[in-house]
Amino acid sequence: MKKITFKEVLTTAMRKQTTTENQASRIVWDNLEEWVRRKVQEFIQSLLEEEIVELLGRQKSERRSAVDGFPATGTATVKSGS
């Protein structure tokens, strides 16, 4: 019986076609890539929203308080000069 070396085993295995199709792995990769992109986008979106809240000092869609004593509705009375 002939002894087979480790190198012969590796080279023989590397020459053989061990997979039949790569379509299944491509589908998995595409799904993984889509999932990662979506998670990164959600992460960046949340970071941006946190920065905006910190910058504005209020939550998204929250009305701001009166500025310079004017009502928040935007109706202000103008004082005439004397």
Protein backbone atom coordinates (compact mmCIF):
# COMPACT_ATOMS: atom_id res chain seq x y z
CA MET A 1 0.00 0.00 0.00
CA LYS A 2 1.35 3.41 -1.00
CA LYS A 3 1.60 6.13 1.63
CA ILE A 4 -0.09 9.41 0.69
CA THR A 5 1.49 12.59 1.95
CA PHE A 6 -0.41 15.49 3.38
CA LYS A 7 0.64 17.64 0.42
CA GLU A 8 -0.83 15.10 -2.02
CA VAL A 9 -4.13 15.11 -0.14
CA LEU A 10 -4.33 18.89 -0.26
CA THR A 11 -3.45 19.22 -3.93
CA THR A 12 -5.92 16.49 -4.90
CA ALA A 13 -8.70 18.14 -2.89
CA MET A 14 -7.93 21.54 -4.37
CA ARG A 15 -8.21 20.22 -7.93
CA LYS A 16 -11.65 18.72 -7.39
CA GLN A 17 -14.80 20.73 -7.92
CA THR A 18 -16.45 20.54 -4.50
CA THR A 19 -19.35 22.90 -5.15
CA THR A 20 -22.01 22.56 -7.79
CA GLU A 21 -23.41 26.08 -7.96
CA ASN A 22 -22.56 29.41 -6.46
CA GLN A 23 -26.04 30.88 -6.85
CA ALA A 24 -27.11 29.93 -3.33
CA SER A 25 -24.11 31.61 -1.76
CA ARG A 26 -24.68 34.69 -3.94
CA ILE A 27 -28.24 34.98 -2.68
CA VAL A 28 -27.07 34.71 0.91
CA TRP A 29 -24.38 37.34 0.30
CA ASP A 30 -26.88 39.72 -1.33
CA ASN A 31 -29.26 39.34 1.60
CA LEU A 32 -26.46 39.86 4.10
CA GLU A 33 -25.23 42.94 2.26
CA GLU A 34 -28.75 44.40 2.15
CA TRP A 35 -29.23 43.73 5.88
CA VAL A 36 -25.88 45.35 6.78
CA ARG A 37 -26.63 48.40 4.63
CA ARG A 38 -30.03 48.81 6.28
CA LYS A 39 -28.54 48.50 9.81
CA VAL A 40 -25.78 51.02 9.03
CA GLN A 41 -28.35 53.43 7.59
CA GLU A 42 -30.54 53.07 10.71
CA PHE A 43 -27.51 53.64 12.94
CA ILE A 44 -26.44 56.79 11.07
CA GLN A 45 -30.04 58.06 11.06
CA SER A 46 -30.30 57.66 14.83
CA LEU A 47 -26.97 59.44 15.34
CA LEU A 48 -28.11 62.34 13.17
CA GLU A 49 -31.43 62.59 15.00
CA GLU A 50 -29.62 62.67 18.36
CA GLU A 51 -27.34 65.44 17.10
CA ILE A 52 -30.31 67.49 15.84
CA VAL A 53 -32.16 67.07 19.13
CA GLU A 54 -29.06 68.23 20.99
CA LEU A 55 -28.53 71.15 18.62
CA LEU A 56 -32.13 72.37 18.66
CA GLY A 57 -32.81 71.55 22.29
CA ARG A 58 -36.10 69.83 21.47
CA GLN A 59 -37.42 66.58 20.06
CA LYS A 60 -38.33 66.05 16.42
CA SER A 61 -41.68 67.70 15.57
CA GLU A 62 -41.83 69.30 19.03
CA ARG A 63 -42.92 72.91 18.98
CA ARG A 64 -40.41 75.37 20.25
CA SER A 65 -41.22 77.76 23.05
CA ALA A 66 -41.82 81.42 22.47
CA VAL A 67 -38.81 83.30 21.16
CA ASP A 68 -38.11 86.85 22.37
CA GLY A 69 -41.45 86.96 24.17
CA PHE A 70 -43.51 86.33 21.03
CA PRO A 71 -46.18 83.65 21.14
CA ALA A 72 -45.26 80.31 19.52
CA THR A 73 -48.04 80.73 16.94
CA GLY A 74 -46.13 83.47 15.20
CA THR A 75 -48.68 86.22 15.83
CA ALA A 76 -46.79 89.10 17.33
CA THR A 77 -47.79 92.65 17.91
CA VAL A 78 -45.54 95.31 16.54
CA LYS A 79 -44.91 98.32 18.76
CA SER A 80 -45.05 101.63 17.01
CA GLY A 81 -42.19 104.02 17.64
CA SER A 82 -42.95 107.07 19.81
